[in-house]
Amino acid sequence: MEYVTFDPQTHDVNKIATLRYNVDYRTYDNLFNSKEKAIAALGKNLKKDDCVKVIYDNGNIIGILIAYTHDKQPKTHFNSLKLLIVSILDHFVICDIKKDDFYIAELAIDENQRSKGYGTKVIKDVIDYAKKNDYKRVILDADFRNPKAKALYERLGFNVYNKKSFLKRGMYNMELKLYPEDQ
């Protein structure tokens, strides 16, 4: 697999926007009242960003990964009030990122590529990257409404360390301590 920084000049913006939509489709559907409108807004909002990686396998886009640290976070561009609302809602439910954390914000595998081990491989690659770069934890969020994702993360060694909810959204904040003896 290969991870390439997203660039709207070279990547299929609609495909990447669709993958982002799939991560949180319930929220987008509530705000935009249509999948098409949500994907269009997400597409217009996408900019080149080192934190957004397009995942390739054998030359095909199979997913996206958005990951970052306390010091290096995605560039925020809001050309849509509704996307700003999503960001505000996220603020109340996602992990608090500490200095030595590596945060997986979004992982989306194309629907046609699911159940092939890609999600597991990506998480393991992120863990290896975080270890090599001396991060103490890999953290992520699992939506209360997505028990399959939570179960995957638990199989890979993540534990729930916090639960947050706001309005009708809720997340399990999960962590994998990379050097448990130091903690």
C-alpha atoms as a PDB file:
ATOM      1  CA  MET A   1       0.000   0.000   0.000  1.00  0.00           C
ATOM      2  CA  GLU A   2       1.038   3.554  -0.626  1.00  0.00           C
ATOM      3  CA  TYR A   3       0.034   6.761   1.169  1.00  0.00           C
ATOM      4  CA  VAL A   4       0.036   9.910  -0.961  1.00  0.00           C
ATOM      5  CA  THR A   5      -0.733  13.441   0.210  1.00  0.00           C
ATOM      6  CA  PHE A   6      -4.115  14.505  -1.136  1.00  0.00           C
ATOM      7  CA  ASP A   7      -3.938  17.045  -3.946  1.00  0.00           C
ATOM      8  CA  PRO A   8      -7.162  18.222  -5.624  1.00  0.00           C
ATOM      9  CA  GLN A   9      -5.187  18.816  -8.829  1.00  0.00           C
ATOM     10  CA  THR A  10      -4.313  15.126  -9.184  1.00  0.00           C
ATOM     11  CA  HIS A  11      -6.873  13.153  -7.178  1.00  0.00           C
ATOM     12  CA  ASP A  12     -10.543  12.438  -7.809  1.00  0.00           C
ATOM     13  CA  VAL A  13     -12.104  15.049  -5.496  1.00  0.00           C
ATOM     14  CA  ASN A  14     -15.572  13.467  -5.717  1.00  0.00           C
ATOM     15  CA  LYS A  15     -14.217  10.057  -4.669  1.00  0.00           C
ATOM     16  CA  ILE A  16     -12.292  11.556  -1.734  1.00  0.00           C
ATOM     17  CA  ALA A  17     -15.334  13.622  -0.684  1.00  0.00           C
ATOM     18  CA  THR A  18     -17.481  10.473  -0.850  1.00  0.00           C
ATOM     19  CA  LEU A  19     -15.031   8.602   1.378  1.00  0.00           C
ATOM     20  CA  ARG A  20     -15.120  11.471   3.894  1.00  0.00           C
ATOM     21  CA  TYR A  21     -18.924  11.491   3.726  1.00  0.00           C
ATOM     22  CA  ASN A  22     -19.028   7.761   4.509  1.00  0.00           C
ATOM     23  CA  VAL A  23     -17.129   8.294   7.780  1.00  0.00           C
ATOM     24  CA  ASP A  24     -19.898  10.463   9.246  1.00  0.00           C
ATOM     25  CA  TYR A  25     -22.843  10.119   6.850  1.00  0.00           C
ATOM     26  CA  ARG A  26     -25.465  10.373   9.609  1.00  0.00           C
ATOM     27  CA  THR A  27     -24.316  13.850  10.630  1.00  0.00           C
ATOM     28  CA  TYR A  28     -23.927  15.010   7.028  1.00  0.00           C
ATOM     29  CA  ASP A  29     -27.376  13.683   6.104  1.00  0.00           C
ATOM     30  CA  ASN A  30     -28.946  15.528   9.041  1.00  0.00           C
ATOM     31  CA  LEU A  31     -27.313  18.824   8.084  1.00  0.00           C
ATOM     32  CA  PHE A  32     -27.474  18.671   4.293  1.00  0.00           C
ATOM     33  CA  ASN A  33     -30.647  16.592   3.831  1.00  0.00           C
ATOM     34  CA  SER A  34     -28.996  14.791   0.927  1.00  0.00           C
ATOM     35  CA  LYS A  35     -25.925  12.707   0.249  1.00  0.00           C
ATOM     36  CA  GLU A  36     -25.241  14.590  -2.992  1.00  0.00           C
ATOM     37  CA  LYS A  37     -25.300  18.035  -1.326  1.00  0.00           C
ATOM     38  CA  ALA A  38     -23.030  16.842   1.479  1.00  0.00           C
ATOM     39  CA  ILE A  39     -20.500  15.327  -0.936  1.00  0.00           C
ATOM     40  CA  ALA A  40     -20.542  18.483  -3.081  1.00  0.00           C
ATOM     41  CA  ALA A  41     -19.831  20.641  -0.001  1.00  0.00           C
ATOM     42  CA  LEU A  42     -17.076  18.313   1.176  1.00  0.00           C
ATOM     43  CA  GLY A  43     -15.509  18.361  -2.292  1.00  0.00           C
ATOM     44  CA  LYS A  44     -15.468  22.168  -2.417  1.00  0.00           C
ATOM     45  CA  ASN A  45     -13.830  22.204   1.014  1.00  0.00           C
ATOM     46  CA  LEU A  46     -10.964  19.837   0.139  1.00  0.00           C
ATOM     47  CA  LYS A  47      -7.532  21.441  -0.159  1.00  0.00           C
ATOM     48  CA  LYS A  48      -4.037  20.018  -0.466  1.00  0.00           C
ATOM     49  CA  ASP A  49      -3.021  19.015   3.035  1.00  0.00           C
ATOM     50  CA  ASP A  50      -0.181  16.889   4.442  1.00  0.00           C
ATOM     51  CA  CYS A  51      -2.562  15.445   7.053  1.00  0.00           C
ATOM     52  CA  VAL A  52      -4.846  13.947   4.394  1.00  0.00           C
ATOM     53  CA  LYS A  53      -3.478  10.818   2.749  1.00  0.00           C
ATOM     54  CA  VAL A  54      -4.969   8.972  -0.188  1.00  0.00           C
ATOM     55  CA  ILE A  55      -4.439   5.238   0.187  1.00  0.00           C
ATOM     56  CA  TYR A  56      -3.480   3.304  -2.929  1.00  0.00           C
ATOM     57  CA  ASP A  57      -3.146  -0.404  -3.543  1.00  0.00           C
ATOM     58  CA  ASN A  58      -1.977  -1.657  -6.937  1.00  0.00           C
ATOM     59  CA  GLY A  59      -2.519   1.800  -8.418  1.00  0.00           C
ATOM     60  CA  ASN A  60      -6.142   2.068  -7.242  1.00  0.00           C
ATOM     61  CA  ILE A  61      -7.520   4.437  -4.605  1.00  0.00           C
ATOM     62  CA  ILE A  62      -8.864   2.244  -1.833  1.00  0.00           C
ATOM     63  CA  GLY A  63      -9.348   4.815   0.916  1.00  0.00           C
ATOM     64  CA  ILE A  64      -8.249   7.880   2.828  1.00  0.00           C
ATOM     65  CA  LEU A  65      -6.488   8.490   6.100  1.00  0.00           C
ATOM     66  CA  ILE A  66      -6.530  11.751   8.008  1.00  0.00           C
ATOM     67  CA  ALA A  67      -4.029  11.711  10.849  1.00  0.00           C
ATOM     68  CA  TYR A  68      -2.173  14.378  12.763  1.00  0.00           C
ATOM     69  CA  THR A  69      -0.519  15.503  15.978  1.00  0.00           C
ATOM     70  CA  HIS A  70      -1.017  18.228  18.547  1.00  0.00           C
ATOM     71  CA  ASP A  71       1.464  20.461  16.707  1.00  0.00           C
ATOM     72  CA  LYS A  72       0.560  19.662  13.105  1.00  0.00           C
ATOM     73  CA  GLN A  73      -3.164  19.691  12.413  1.00  0.00           C
ATOM     74  CA  PRO A  74      -5.092  19.901   9.134  1.00  0.00           C
ATOM     75  CA  LYS A  75      -5.588  23.242   7.478  1.00  0.00           C
ATOM     76  CA  THR A  76      -9.142  24.300   8.161  1.00  0.00           C
ATOM     77  CA  HIS A  77     -11.128  25.829   5.301  1.00  0.00           C
ATOM     78  CA  PHE A  78     -14.814  26.413   5.794  1.00  0.00           C
ATOM     79  CA  ASN A  79     -16.648  27.570   2.732  1.00  0.00           C
ATOM     80  CA  SER A  80     -19.817  26.045   4.132  1.00  0.00           C
ATOM     81  CA  LEU A  81     -21.620  26.979   7.336  1.00  0.00           C
ATOM     82  CA  LYS A  82     -22.833  23.392   7.636  1.00  0.00           C
ATOM     83  CA  LEU A  83     -19.271  22.037   7.558  1.00  0.00           C
ATOM     84  CA  LEU A  84     -18.359  24.542  10.261  1.00  0.00           C
ATOM     85  CA  ILE A  85     -21.212  23.103  12.336  1.00  0.00           C
ATOM     86  CA  VAL A  86     -19.780  19.593  11.848  1.00  0.00           C
ATOM     87  CA  SER A  87     -16.410  20.847  13.083  1.00  0.00           C
ATOM     88  CA  ILE A  88     -18.027  22.406  16.146  1.00  0.00           C
ATOM     89  CA  LEU A  89     -19.920  19.191  16.899  1.00  0.00           C
ATOM     90  CA  ASP A  90     -16.660  17.240  16.520  1.00  0.00           C
ATOM     91  CA  HIS A  91     -14.978  19.498  19.043  1.00  0.00           C
ATOM     92  CA  PHE A  92     -17.280  18.200  21.766  1.00  0.00           C
ATOM     93  CA  VAL A  93     -16.827  14.476  21.091  1.00  0.00           C
ATOM     94  CA  ILE A  94     -13.379  13.747  19.645  1.00  0.00           C
ATOM     95  CA  CYS A  95     -10.165  12.953  21.526  1.00  0.00           C
ATOM     96  CA  ASP A  96      -8.161  15.642  23.232  1.00  0.00           C
ATOM     97  CA  ILE A  97      -4.766  15.440  21.551  1.00  0.00           C
ATOM     98  CA  LYS A  98      -1.749  15.696  23.838  1.00  0.00           C
ATOM     99  CA  LYS A  99       1.791  16.600  22.833  1.00  0.00           C
ATOM    100  CA  ASP A 100       3.042  13.007  22.364  1.00  0.00           C
ATOM    101  CA  ASP A 101      -0.116  11.638  20.683  1.00  0.00           C
ATOM    102  CA  PHE A 102      -0.615  10.597  17.089  1.00  0.00           C
ATOM    103  CA  TYR A 103      -4.293  11.004  16.239  1.00  0.00           C
ATOM    104  CA  ILE A 104      -6.215   9.088  13.586  1.00  0.00           C
ATOM    105  CA  ALA A 105      -9.030  11.487  12.733  1.00  0.00           C
ATOM    106  CA  GLU A 106     -10.589   9.597   9.831  1.00  0.00           C
ATOM    107  CA  LEU A 107     -10.025   6.285   8.137  1.00  0.00           C
ATOM    108  CA  ALA A 108     -12.297   5.383   5.260  1.00  0.00           C
ATOM    109  CA  ILE A 109     -11.968   2.344   3.036  1.00  0.00           C
ATOM    110  CA  ASP A 110     -13.924   2.257  -0.216  1.00  0.00           C
ATOM    111  CA  GLU A 111     -17.100   0.191   0.140  1.00  0.00           C
ATOM    112  CA  ASN A 112     -15.925  -2.203  -2.585  1.00  0.00           C
ATOM    113  CA  GLN A 113     -12.652  -2.837  -0.732  1.00  0.00           C
ATOM    114  CA  ARG A 114     -13.960  -3.511   2.767  1.00  0.00           C
ATOM    115  CA  SER A 115     -13.448  -6.815   4.586  1.00  0.00           C
ATOM    116  CA  LYS A 116     -10.138  -7.365   2.791  1.00  0.00           C
ATOM    117  CA  GLY A 117      -7.920  -6.370   5.722  1.00  0.00           C
ATOM    118  CA  TYR A 118      -7.115  -2.853   4.504  1.00  0.00           C
ATOM    119  CA  GLY A 119      -8.388  -1.109   7.635  1.00  0.00           C
ATOM    120  CA  THR A 120      -6.288  -3.383   9.831  1.00  0.00           C
ATOM    121  CA  LYS A 121      -3.226  -2.828   7.634  1.00  0.00           C
ATOM    122  CA  VAL A 122      -3.624   0.956   7.746  1.00  0.00           C
ATOM    123  CA  ILE A 123      -3.958   0.982  11.547  1.00  0.00           C
ATOM    124  CA  LYS A 124      -0.875  -1.235  11.883  1.00  0.00           C
ATOM    125  CA  ASP A 125       1.056   1.061   9.528  1.00  0.00           C
ATOM    126  CA  VAL A 126       0.045   4.077  11.627  1.00  0.00           C
ATOM    127  CA  ILE A 127       1.136   2.294  14.814  1.00  0.00           C
ATOM    128  CA  ASP A 128       4.526   1.471  13.248  1.00  0.00           C
ATOM    129  CA  TYR A 129       4.922   5.079  12.100  1.00  0.00           C
ATOM    130  CA  ALA A 130       4.041   6.406  15.553  1.00  0.00           C
ATOM    131  CA  LYS A 131       6.532   4.058  17.244  1.00  0.00           C
ATOM    132  CA  LYS A 132       9.323   5.028  14.845  1.00  0.00           C
ATOM    133  CA  ASN A 133       8.634   8.693  15.563  1.00  0.00           C
ATOM    134  CA  ASP A 134       8.560   8.273  19.362  1.00  0.00           C
ATOM    135  CA  TYR A 135       4.889   9.058  19.972  1.00  0.00           C
ATOM    136  CA  LYS A 136       3.570   7.677  23.255  1.00  0.00           C
ATOM    137  CA  ARG A 137       0.014   6.922  22.112  1.00  0.00           C
ATOM    138  CA  VAL A 138      -2.047   6.421  19.009  1.00  0.00           C
ATOM    139  CA  ILE A 139      -5.539   7.751  19.635  1.00  0.00           C
ATOM    140  CA  LEU A 140      -8.765   7.670  17.666  1.00  0.00           C
ATOM    141  CA  ASP A 141     -12.519   7.863  18.033  1.00  0.00           C
ATOM    142  CA  ALA A 142     -15.156   5.206  17.442  1.00  0.00           C
ATOM    143  CA  ASP A 143     -18.705   6.410  16.919  1.00  0.00           C
ATOM    144  CA  PHE A 144     -21.202   4.931  19.386  1.00  0.00           C
ATOM    145  CA  ARG A 145     -23.224   3.850  16.333  1.00  0.00           C
ATOM    146  CA  ASN A 146     -20.353   1.907  14.737  1.00  0.00           C
ATOM    147  CA  PRO A 147     -19.684  -1.205  16.841  1.00  0.00           C
ATOM    148  CA  LYS A 148     -17.703  -2.868  14.006  1.00  0.00           C
ATOM    149  CA  ALA A 149     -15.090  -0.099  14.044  1.00  0.00           C
ATOM    150  CA  LYS A 150     -14.839  -0.221  17.834  1.00  0.00           C
ATOM    151  CA  ALA A 151     -14.399  -4.009  17.732  1.00  0.00           C
ATOM    152  CA  LEU A 152     -11.647  -3.686  15.093  1.00  0.00           C
ATOM    153  CA  TYR A 153      -9.762  -1.148  17.186  1.00  0.00           C
ATOM    154  CA  GLU A 154     -10.105  -3.324  20.299  1.00  0.00           C
ATOM    155  CA  ARG A 155      -8.742  -6.349  18.381  1.00  0.00           C
ATOM    156  CA  LEU A 156      -5.725  -4.204  17.522  1.00  0.00           C
ATOM    157  CA  GLY A 157      -5.101  -3.363  21.191  1.00  0.00           C
ATOM    158  CA  PHE A 158      -6.935  -0.050  21.620  1.00  0.00           C
ATOM    159  CA  ASN A 159      -8.842   0.610  24.817  1.00  0.00           C
ATOM    160  CA  VAL A 160     -11.615   3.069  25.591  1.00  0.00           C
ATOM    161  CA  TYR A 161     -10.255   5.719  27.926  1.00  0.00           C
ATOM    162  CA  ASN A 162     -13.108   8.221  27.662  1.00  0.00           C
ATOM    163  CA  LYS A 163     -16.640   8.568  26.310  1.00  0.00           C
ATOM    164  CA  LYS A 164     -17.992  11.857  25.039  1.00  0.00           C
ATOM    165  CA  SER A 165     -21.406  12.786  23.753  1.00  0.00           C
ATOM    166  CA  PHE A 166     -23.032  15.987  22.622  1.00  0.00           C
ATOM    167  CA  LEU A 167     -26.574  16.329  21.340  1.00  0.00           C
ATOM    168  CA  LYS A 168     -27.140  13.064  19.458  1.00  0.00           C
ATOM    169  CA  ARG A 169     -23.453  12.360  18.705  1.00  0.00           C
ATOM    170  CA  GLY A 170     -21.177  10.232  20.785  1.00  0.00           C
ATOM    171  CA  MET A 171     -17.676   8.807  20.561  1.00  0.00           C
ATOM    172  CA  TYR A 172     -15.547   6.318  22.370  1.00  0.00           C
ATOM    173  CA  ASN A 173     -12.147   7.993  22.704  1.00  0.00           C
ATOM    174  CA  MET A 174      -9.690   5.133  22.324  1.00  0.00           C
ATOM    175  CA  GLU A 175      -5.966   4.801  22.853  1.00  0.00           C
ATOM    176  CA  LEU A 176      -3.143   2.420  22.213  1.00  0.00           C
ATOM    177  CA  LYS A 177      -0.273   3.099  24.566  1.00  0.00           C
ATOM    178  CA  LEU A 178       2.899   2.433  22.627  1.00  0.00           C
ATOM    179  CA  TYR A 179       5.186   2.275  25.656  1.00  0.00           C
ATOM    180  CA  PRO A 180       2.933   1.179  28.537  1.00  0.00           C
ATOM    181  CA  GLU A 181       5.883   0.858  30.922  1.00  0.00           C
ATOM    182  CA  ASP A 182       6.484   4.638  30.614  1.00  0.00           C
ATOM    183  CA  GLN A 183       2.912   5.630  31.416  1.00  0.00           C
END
